[in-house]
Every structure is written in C-alpha cells, then in structure tokens.
Amino acid sequence: MSVPTDDSFEASALGTKEYWDHVYDRENNNFKELGDIGEVWFGEDSVDRMICWVLDQPDITTSTSTLDLGCGNGHLLLGLADQGDMTDLTGIDYSASAIQLAKAVAQDQDRQAIVYATANFLQPDEECSWRPDDKTFGLVLDKGTFDAISLDPAQAQAQAEHRPGPRDAYVEAVRGLMQRDGKFLITSCNWTMDELIDHFKPHFQYHSHVKYPTFSFGGHTGSKICTVAFVPV
C-alpha cells in the first residue's frame, strides 16, 4: 500500500499549536481543580502496549536514553518510569501548556527526574537546552504527533506548492535525534502500518509491530490504530 495521496489529509485545527495550547490550558485547570491528568491520547491500552513492547526489547535497558516526541501530559514516560524503572527520560512538546501539565503531574507523582521541555524538533535552529551536547537517543517514541503534523495547514500549503512540508521534515528530524543502533516506536490512527513503512523508508527500516484487536468491514480486515517499530538505515 502506498502513502496517501496529497488529497488524503485535509488541513485541520488538530494540526495547529493554537489548538493544543487551548486543550492543555483547559487540562491544566482540570488538574489544578480536580487532580485529573487529562486525556490519554489513543487510550490506556495503546500506552500499555507501547510500554510492553519497550520492556520486551532485550537491548533496551533502564538506562536507555528515551525521548517522547509530543509528550502531552507525560503519561507514556510516567509509565516507563513506573513499570520499567527507566531513568533517562525526556519529553518535549511545542505546547508550553502541555509541558506545564507534564511537569505538574510528574511532581505530583514524585517523578521530577523526568526532563520535560517546550521544543519544536522540526526547527533545528531553536535553543535545545533539553538536548545537551547534541544528545542522541536510544529510543524515540511518538504517540499521535506524526498524525497531528500530517494535519498541519503548513503541510497542505506545501503540497499545493509541490514542495516538502512538515511531514517530510519529520522523518529526517527524527533520524537526527537517534543513535545509530536506536529504535523508533510510533503509534498512529491516521496511517496504516504499510503506509508508515513506505513513508519512513528513506531513513528507516521496519523492525516489528504491536498487535491490536482487528475488525472486518467491506471485505477488509484492520485495526483502529497501529504501532510500528523502526531502526535507522
């Protein structure tokens, strides 16, 4: 199966920083008033399956440097700290409100050692205090961030002008953050496994994938989301 055509993704508010700032402003208020950490993107099951995949990898240890792209409230990293005793954890998000929430939740759960920072990794010239000495990572995670980037109005504009957009920049940026023998684990609801493999093939090759319950419709079998692991080429 090929990557979706240029018309497959329409620009959406879900692809804008303003949308996510608004979401996390609301969730910060809910956390302060109710102690609710907010929505878990794709649900608890996807988080648990990602964590199980990580813990099943013999070359990923408690000290593996791990980066969560678009970490939101930090739930995935908290799970790795709690269930896997992982100690070198970094989460970045371009929404300062998301990072504010992630830090507050981590402090509430006594996980202040997790590093959280406001950053847009698609802008290589920005200040990278969260990445001292151009640190690279043995494990990079994405749960929904590539989906949001695919809906960015800047992507639609780039396609209309027949030039690379944020979706294309994403692949090179992720590769630049990784160690040569690192692993990249991505969960998506907008892309199938075959589409992800095709889109990432300039810099990555398929390693494995996480199994989810499937459903059948119109003679086709699939699942609502997919989680795919890659290694750099």
C-alpha atoms as a PDB file:
ATOM      1  CA  MET A   1       0.000   0.000   0.000  1.00  0.00           C
ATOM      2  CA  SER A   2       1.328   3.436  -0.908  1.00  0.00           C
ATOM      3  CA  VAL A   3       1.464   6.623   1.109  1.00  0.00           C
ATOM      4  CA  PRO A   4      -1.813   8.566   0.939  1.00  0.00           C
ATOM      5  CA  THR A   5      -2.172  10.984  -1.952  1.00  0.00           C
ATOM      6  CA  ASP A   6      -1.846  14.712  -1.385  1.00  0.00           C
ATOM      7  CA  ASP A   7      -5.611  14.976  -1.016  1.00  0.00           C
ATOM      8  CA  SER A   8      -5.867  12.290   1.681  1.00  0.00           C
ATOM      9  CA  PHE A   9      -5.259  14.658   4.605  1.00  0.00           C
ATOM     10  CA  GLU A  10      -7.062  17.964   4.827  1.00  0.00           C
ATOM     11  CA  ALA A  11      -5.736  20.776   6.993  1.00  0.00           C
ATOM     12  CA  SER A  12      -7.260  20.639  10.461  1.00  0.00           C
ATOM     13  CA  ALA A  13      -7.181  22.579  13.709  1.00  0.00           C
ATOM     14  CA  LEU A  14      -5.733  19.407  15.259  1.00  0.00           C
ATOM     15  CA  GLY A  15      -2.541  20.185  13.359  1.00  0.00           C
ATOM     16  CA  THR A  16      -2.055  23.624  14.904  1.00  0.00           C
ATOM     17  CA  LYS A  17      -0.197  24.724  18.016  1.00  0.00           C
ATOM     18  CA  GLU A  18      -3.083  27.039  18.924  1.00  0.00           C
ATOM     19  CA  TYR A  19      -5.460  24.080  19.192  1.00  0.00           C
ATOM     20  CA  TRP A  20      -3.185  22.144  21.529  1.00  0.00           C
ATOM     21  CA  ASP A  21      -2.404  25.207  23.636  1.00  0.00           C
ATOM     22  CA  HIS A  22      -6.141  25.597  24.187  1.00  0.00           C
ATOM     23  CA  VAL A  23      -6.570  21.898  25.025  1.00  0.00           C
ATOM     24  CA  TYR A  24      -3.754  21.907  27.570  1.00  0.00           C
ATOM     25  CA  ASP A  25      -4.788  25.224  29.110  1.00  0.00           C
ATOM     26  CA  ARG A  26      -8.093  23.529  29.908  1.00  0.00           C
ATOM     27  CA  GLU A  27      -6.432  20.357  31.160  1.00  0.00           C
ATOM     28  CA  ASN A  28      -4.076  22.360  33.405  1.00  0.00           C
ATOM     29  CA  ASN A  29      -7.130  23.921  35.033  1.00  0.00           C
ATOM     30  CA  ASN A  30      -8.746  20.497  35.439  1.00  0.00           C
ATOM     31  CA  PHE A  31      -5.591  19.121  37.037  1.00  0.00           C
ATOM     32  CA  LYS A  32      -5.389  22.013  39.495  1.00  0.00           C
ATOM     33  CA  GLU A  33      -9.074  21.750  40.432  1.00  0.00           C
ATOM     34  CA  LEU A  34      -9.725  18.003  40.197  1.00  0.00           C
ATOM     35  CA  GLY A  35      -6.355  16.243  40.015  1.00  0.00           C
ATOM     36  CA  ASP A  36      -7.321  14.874  36.572  1.00  0.00           C
ATOM     37  CA  ILE A  37      -4.199  14.497  34.382  1.00  0.00           C
ATOM     38  CA  GLY A  38      -6.293  14.832  31.222  1.00  0.00           C
ATOM     39  CA  GLU A  39      -6.980  12.729  28.149  1.00  0.00           C
ATOM     40  CA  VAL A  40      -4.686   9.821  27.323  1.00  0.00           C
ATOM     41  CA  TRP A  41      -4.308  10.084  23.557  1.00  0.00           C
ATOM     42  CA  PHE A  42      -5.479   6.795  21.920  1.00  0.00           C
ATOM     43  CA  GLY A  43      -6.382   5.447  25.362  1.00  0.00           C
ATOM     44  CA  GLU A  44      -4.705   3.458  28.103  1.00  0.00           C
ATOM     45  CA  ASP A  45      -4.499   0.293  26.001  1.00  0.00           C
ATOM     46  CA  SER A  46      -2.180   1.884  23.439  1.00  0.00           C
ATOM     47  CA  VAL A  47       0.093   3.174  26.212  1.00  0.00           C
ATOM     48  CA  ASP A  48       0.228  -0.258  27.846  1.00  0.00           C
ATOM     49  CA  ARG A  49       1.044  -1.948  24.539  1.00  0.00           C
ATOM     50  CA  MET A  50       3.827   0.528  23.777  1.00  0.00           C
ATOM     51  CA  ILE A  51       5.298   0.022  27.239  1.00  0.00           C
ATOM     52  CA  CYS A  52       5.102  -3.765  26.900  1.00  0.00           C
ATOM     53  CA  TRP A  53       6.897  -3.575  23.550  1.00  0.00           C
ATOM     54  CA  VAL A  54       9.675  -1.484  25.079  1.00  0.00           C
ATOM     55  CA  LEU A  55      10.087  -3.791  28.056  1.00  0.00           C
ATOM     56  CA  ASP A  56      10.250  -6.813  25.733  1.00  0.00           C
ATOM     57  CA  GLN A  57      13.296  -5.461  23.862  1.00  0.00           C
ATOM     58  CA  PRO A  58      16.470  -7.095  25.248  1.00  0.00           C
ATOM     59  CA  ASP A  59      18.695  -4.212  24.133  1.00  0.00           C
ATOM     60  CA  ILE A  60      16.578  -1.535  25.860  1.00  0.00           C
ATOM     61  CA  THR A  61      17.615  -1.162  29.484  1.00  0.00           C
ATOM     62  CA  THR A  62      16.667   1.002  32.436  1.00  0.00           C
ATOM     63  CA  SER A  63      19.365   3.498  31.376  1.00  0.00           C
ATOM     64  CA  THR A  64      18.455   3.715  27.673  1.00  0.00           C
ATOM     65  CA  SER A  65      18.115   7.384  26.726  1.00  0.00           C
ATOM     66  CA  THR A  66      14.472   7.821  25.730  1.00  0.00           C
ATOM     67  CA  LEU A  67      12.709  10.724  24.015  1.00  0.00           C
ATOM     68  CA  ASP A  68       8.943  11.181  23.710  1.00  0.00           C
ATOM     69  CA  LEU A  69       8.006  13.470  20.809  1.00  0.00           C
ATOM     70  CA  GLY A  70       4.876  15.487  21.557  1.00  0.00           C
ATOM     71  CA  CYS A  71       4.686  14.136  25.092  1.00  0.00           C
ATOM     72  CA  GLY A  72       1.485  15.941  26.096  1.00  0.00           C
ATOM     73  CA  ASN A  73       0.740  15.236  29.754  1.00  0.00           C
ATOM     74  CA  GLY A  74       3.720  12.875  30.006  1.00  0.00           C
ATOM     75  CA  HIS A  75       1.637   9.766  30.662  1.00  0.00           C
ATOM     76  CA  LEU A  76       3.758   7.468  28.476  1.00  0.00           C
ATOM     77  CA  LEU A  77       7.027   8.420  30.168  1.00  0.00           C
ATOM     78  CA  LEU A  78       5.460   8.043  33.601  1.00  0.00           C
ATOM     79  CA  GLY A  79       4.503   4.514  32.619  1.00  0.00           C
ATOM     80  CA  LEU A  80       8.059   3.707  31.537  1.00  0.00           C
ATOM     81  CA  ALA A  81       9.385   5.091  34.819  1.00  0.00           C
ATOM     82  CA  ASP A  82       6.859   3.163  36.906  1.00  0.00           C
ATOM     83  CA  GLN A  83       6.742  -0.149  35.058  1.00  0.00           C
ATOM     84  CA  GLY A  84      10.221  -0.272  33.555  1.00  0.00           C
ATOM     85  CA  ASP A  85      12.254   1.674  36.117  1.00  0.00           C
ATOM     86  CA  MET A  86      13.688   3.677  33.210  1.00  0.00           C
ATOM     87  CA  THR A  87      15.755   6.624  34.386  1.00  0.00           C
ATOM     88  CA  ASP A  88      16.890   8.628  31.308  1.00  0.00           C
ATOM     89  CA  LEU A  89      13.554  10.021  30.121  1.00  0.00           C
ATOM     90  CA  THR A  90      12.907  13.213  28.163  1.00  0.00           C
ATOM     91  CA  GLY A  91       9.616  14.566  26.862  1.00  0.00           C
ATOM     92  CA  ILE A  92       9.208  17.513  24.513  1.00  0.00           C
ATOM     93  CA  ASP A  93       6.146  19.289  23.180  1.00  0.00           C
ATOM     94  CA  TYR A  94       5.717  22.509  21.221  1.00  0.00           C
ATOM     95  CA  SER A  95       2.887  23.496  23.543  1.00  0.00           C
ATOM     96  CA  ALA A  96       4.205  25.200  26.676  1.00  0.00           C
ATOM     97  CA  SER A  97       0.858  24.427  28.325  1.00  0.00           C
ATOM     98  CA  ALA A  98       1.402  20.699  27.727  1.00  0.00           C
ATOM     99  CA  ILE A  99       4.832  20.873  29.338  1.00  0.00           C
ATOM    100  CA  GLN A 100       3.410  22.810  32.279  1.00  0.00           C
ATOM    101  CA  LEU A 101       0.904  19.993  32.815  1.00  0.00           C
ATOM    102  CA  ALA A 102       3.507  17.224  32.358  1.00  0.00           C
ATOM    103  CA  LYS A 103       5.785  18.817  34.949  1.00  0.00           C
ATOM    104  CA  ALA A 104       2.936  19.257  37.414  1.00  0.00           C
ATOM    105  CA  VAL A 105       1.822  15.641  37.011  1.00  0.00           C
ATOM    106  CA  ALA A 106       5.404  14.367  37.360  1.00  0.00           C
ATOM    107  CA  GLN A 107       5.888  16.388  40.531  1.00  0.00           C
ATOM    108  CA  ASP A 108       2.608  15.095  41.933  1.00  0.00           C
ATOM    109  CA  GLN A 109       3.791  11.529  41.272  1.00  0.00           C
ATOM    110  CA  ASP A 110       7.314  12.193  42.581  1.00  0.00           C
ATOM    111  CA  ARG A 111       8.889  11.736  39.144  1.00  0.00           C
ATOM    112  CA  GLN A 112      10.760  15.031  38.920  1.00  0.00           C
ATOM    113  CA  ALA A 113      13.776  13.282  37.332  1.00  0.00           C
ATOM    114  CA  ILE A 114      11.913  13.135  34.007  1.00  0.00           C
ATOM    115  CA  VAL A 115      13.083  16.016  31.809  1.00  0.00           C
ATOM    116  CA  TYR A 116      10.300  17.988  30.123  1.00  0.00           C
ATOM    117  CA  ALA A 117      10.879  20.899  27.766  1.00  0.00           C
ATOM    118  CA  THR A 118       8.964  23.115  25.370  1.00  0.00           C
ATOM    119  CA  ALA A 119      10.512  22.461  21.969  1.00  0.00           C
ATOM    120  CA  ASN A 120       9.675  22.117  18.284  1.00  0.00           C
ATOM    121  CA  PHE A 121      12.078  19.481  16.997  1.00  0.00           C
ATOM    122  CA  LEU A 122      11.245  20.435  13.397  1.00  0.00           C
ATOM    123  CA  GLN A 123      13.038  23.749  13.952  1.00  0.00           C
ATOM    124  CA  PRO A 124      16.713  22.728  14.271  1.00  0.00           C
ATOM    125  CA  ASP A 125      17.942  26.258  14.936  1.00  0.00           C
ATOM    126  CA  GLU A 126      15.950  26.744  18.128  1.00  0.00           C
ATOM    127  CA  GLU A 127      17.509  26.597  21.574  1.00  0.00           C
ATOM    128  CA  CYS A 128      17.982  22.944  22.610  1.00  0.00           C
ATOM    129  CA  SER A 129      18.792  23.084  26.315  1.00  0.00           C
ATOM    130  CA  TRP A 130      16.876  19.818  26.678  1.00  0.00           C
ATOM    131  CA  ARG A 131      19.444  18.150  24.402  1.00  0.00           C
ATOM    132  CA  PRO A 132      22.883  18.981  25.857  1.00  0.00           C
ATOM    133  CA  ASP A 133      25.881  18.368  23.577  1.00  0.00           C
ATOM    134  CA  ASP A 134      23.514  17.293  20.772  1.00  0.00           C
ATOM    135  CA  LYS A 135      22.487  14.261  22.775  1.00  0.00           C
ATOM    136  CA  THR A 136      21.050  11.389  20.759  1.00  0.00           C
ATOM    137  CA  PHE A 137      18.581   8.801  21.968  1.00  0.00           C
ATOM    138  CA  GLY A 138      18.461   5.021  22.025  1.00  0.00           C
ATOM    139  CA  LEU A 139      14.661   5.053  21.950  1.00  0.00           C
ATOM    140  CA  VAL A 140      12.357   7.631  20.360  1.00  0.00           C
ATOM    141  CA  LEU A 141       8.590   7.453  20.877  1.00  0.00           C
ATOM    142  CA  ASP A 142       5.662   9.061  19.090  1.00  0.00           C
ATOM    143  CA  LYS A 143       2.016   8.605  20.030  1.00  0.00           C
ATOM    144  CA  GLY A 144      -0.071  10.773  17.712  1.00  0.00           C
ATOM    145  CA  THR A 145       2.438  13.530  16.960  1.00  0.00           C
ATOM    146  CA  PHE A 146       3.084  12.472  13.370  1.00  0.00           C
ATOM    147  CA  ASP A 147      -0.697  12.321  12.927  1.00  0.00           C
ATOM    148  CA  ALA A 148      -1.028  15.926  14.094  1.00  0.00           C
ATOM    149  CA  ILE A 149       1.839  17.050  11.859  1.00  0.00           C
ATOM    150  CA  SER A 150       0.087  15.412   8.905  1.00  0.00           C
ATOM    151  CA  LEU A 151      -2.911  17.694   9.568  1.00  0.00           C
ATOM    152  CA  ASP A 152      -0.839  20.884   9.868  1.00  0.00           C
ATOM    153  CA  PRO A 153      -2.114  23.566   7.443  1.00  0.00           C
ATOM    154  CA  ALA A 154       1.553  24.173   6.554  1.00  0.00           C
ATOM    155  CA  GLN A 155       1.657  20.618   5.175  1.00  0.00           C
ATOM    156  CA  ALA A 156      -1.354  21.267   2.957  1.00  0.00           C
ATOM    157  CA  GLN A 157       0.233  24.517   1.719  1.00  0.00           C
ATOM    158  CA  ALA A 158       3.493  22.734   0.949  1.00  0.00           C
ATOM    159  CA  GLN A 159       1.668  20.063  -1.019  1.00  0.00           C
ATOM    160  CA  ALA A 160      -0.221  22.699  -3.011  1.00  0.00           C
ATOM    161  CA  GLU A 161       3.122  24.279  -3.902  1.00  0.00           C
ATOM    162  CA  HIS A 162       4.729  20.887  -4.667  1.00  0.00           C
ATOM    163  CA  ARG A 163       7.482  21.244  -2.085  1.00  0.00           C
ATOM    164  CA  PRO A 164       8.454  19.322   1.057  1.00  0.00           C
ATOM    165  CA  GLY A 165       6.426  20.093   4.167  1.00  0.00           C
ATOM    166  CA  PRO A 166       6.500  19.349   7.902  1.00  0.00           C
ATOM    167  CA  ARG A 167       5.602  15.702   7.306  1.00  0.00           C
ATOM    168  CA  ASP A 168       8.724  15.273   5.192  1.00  0.00           C
ATOM    169  CA  ALA A 169      10.924  17.207   7.612  1.00  0.00           C
ATOM    170  CA  TYR A 170       9.711  14.957  10.426  1.00  0.00           C
ATOM    171  CA  VAL A 171      11.461  11.851   9.075  1.00  0.00           C
ATOM    172  CA  GLU A 172      14.886  13.490   8.821  1.00  0.00           C
ATOM    173  CA  ALA A 173      14.468  15.245  12.162  1.00  0.00           C
ATOM    174  CA  VAL A 174      13.674  12.001  13.980  1.00  0.00           C
ATOM    175  CA  ARG A 175      16.628  10.252  12.370  1.00  0.00           C
ATOM    176  CA  GLY A 176      18.905  13.071  13.530  1.00  0.00           C
ATOM    177  CA  LEU A 177      17.769  12.580  17.133  1.00  0.00           C
ATOM    178  CA  MET A 178      18.583   8.881  17.199  1.00  0.00           C
ATOM    179  CA  GLN A 179      21.605   6.775  17.947  1.00  0.00           C
ATOM    180  CA  ARG A 180      22.805   4.555  15.117  1.00  0.00           C
ATOM    181  CA  ASP A 181      21.537   1.429  16.879  1.00  0.00           C
ATOM    182  CA  GLY A 182      18.452   3.092  18.349  1.00  0.00           C
ATOM    183  CA  LYS A 183      14.793   2.226  17.896  1.00  0.00           C
ATOM    184  CA  PHE A 184      11.815   4.373  16.926  1.00  0.00           C
ATOM    185  CA  LEU A 185       8.305   3.371  18.031  1.00  0.00           C
ATOM    186  CA  ILE A 186       5.323   5.220  16.566  1.00  0.00           C
ATOM    187  CA  THR A 187       1.579   4.883  17.148  1.00  0.00           C
ATOM    188  CA  SER A 188      -0.858   6.297  14.601  1.00  0.00           C
ATOM    189  CA  CYS A 189      -4.583   6.307  13.911  1.00  0.00           C
ATOM    190  CA  ASN A 190      -4.325   8.083  10.537  1.00  0.00           C
ATOM    191  CA  TRP A 191      -1.768   5.832   8.867  1.00  0.00           C
ATOM    192  CA  THR A 192      -1.643   2.099   8.305  1.00  0.00           C
ATOM    193  CA  MET A 193       1.475   0.093   9.061  1.00  0.00           C
ATOM    194  CA  ASP A 194       2.267  -0.268   5.346  1.00  0.00           C
ATOM    195  CA  GLU A 195       1.884   3.467   4.793  1.00  0.00           C
ATOM    196  CA  LEU A 196       4.231   4.274   7.672  1.00  0.00           C
ATOM    197  CA  ILE A 197       6.813   1.799   6.397  1.00  0.00           C
ATOM    198  CA  ASP A 198       6.660   3.380   2.956  1.00  0.00           C
ATOM    199  CA  HIS A 199       6.868   6.954   4.225  1.00  0.00           C
ATOM    200  CA  PHE A 200       9.796   6.323   6.570  1.00  0.00           C
ATOM    201  CA  LYS A 201      11.837   4.104   4.251  1.00  0.00           C
ATOM    202  CA  PRO A 202      14.359   6.781   3.185  1.00  0.00           C
ATOM    203  CA  HIS A 203      15.860   6.724   6.694  1.00  0.00           C
ATOM    204  CA  PHE A 204      14.326   3.747   8.495  1.00  0.00           C
ATOM    205  CA  GLN A 205      13.510   0.110   8.023  1.00  0.00           C
ATOM    206  CA  TYR A 206      10.766  -1.939   9.625  1.00  0.00           C
ATOM    207  CA  HIS A 207      11.690  -3.761  12.837  1.00  0.00           C
ATOM    208  CA  SER A 208       8.423  -5.075  14.297  1.00  0.00           C
ATOM    209  CA  HIS A 209       4.914  -4.030  15.213  1.00  0.00           C
ATOM    210  CA  VAL A 210       2.445  -4.267  18.065  1.00  0.00           C
ATOM    211  CA  LYS A 211      -0.661  -6.390  17.603  1.00  0.00           C
ATOM    212  CA  TYR A 212      -4.111  -4.903  18.235  1.00  0.00           C
ATOM    213  CA  PRO A 213      -7.612  -6.377  18.028  1.00  0.00           C
ATOM    214  CA  THR A 214      -8.843  -6.331  14.427  1.00  0.00           C
ATOM    215  CA  PHE A 215     -12.218  -5.795  12.795  1.00  0.00           C
ATOM    216  CA  SER A 216     -13.566  -6.632   9.351  1.00  0.00           C
ATOM    217  CA  PHE A 217     -15.529  -4.271   7.126  1.00  0.00           C
ATOM    218  CA  GLY A 218     -16.266  -4.409   3.413  1.00  0.00           C
ATOM    219  CA  GLY A 219     -14.060  -7.415   2.916  1.00  0.00           C
ATOM    220  CA  HIS A 220     -11.048  -5.745   4.555  1.00  0.00           C
ATOM    221  CA  THR A 221      -9.503  -6.503   7.930  1.00  0.00           C
ATOM    222  CA  GLY A 222      -7.740  -3.871  10.010  1.00  0.00           C
ATOM    223  CA  SER A 223      -7.445  -2.127  13.368  1.00  0.00           C
ATOM    224  CA  LYS A 224      -8.244   1.382  14.543  1.00  0.00           C
ATOM    225  CA  ILE A 225      -4.614   2.207  15.307  1.00  0.00           C
ATOM    226  CA  CYS A 226      -1.187   0.781  14.578  1.00  0.00           C
ATOM    227  CA  THR A 227       2.107   0.813  16.447  1.00  0.00           C
ATOM    228  CA  VAL A 228       5.220   0.189  14.382  1.00  0.00           C
ATOM    229  CA  ALA A 229       8.893  -0.035  15.366  1.00  0.00           C
ATOM    230  CA  PHE A 230      11.730   1.079  13.084  1.00  0.00           C
ATOM    231  CA  VAL A 231      15.509   1.073  13.155  1.00  0.00           C
ATOM    232  CA  PRO A 232      17.712   3.559  11.268  1.00  0.00           C
ATOM    233  CA  VAL A 233      19.281   2.589   7.949  1.00  0.00           C
END
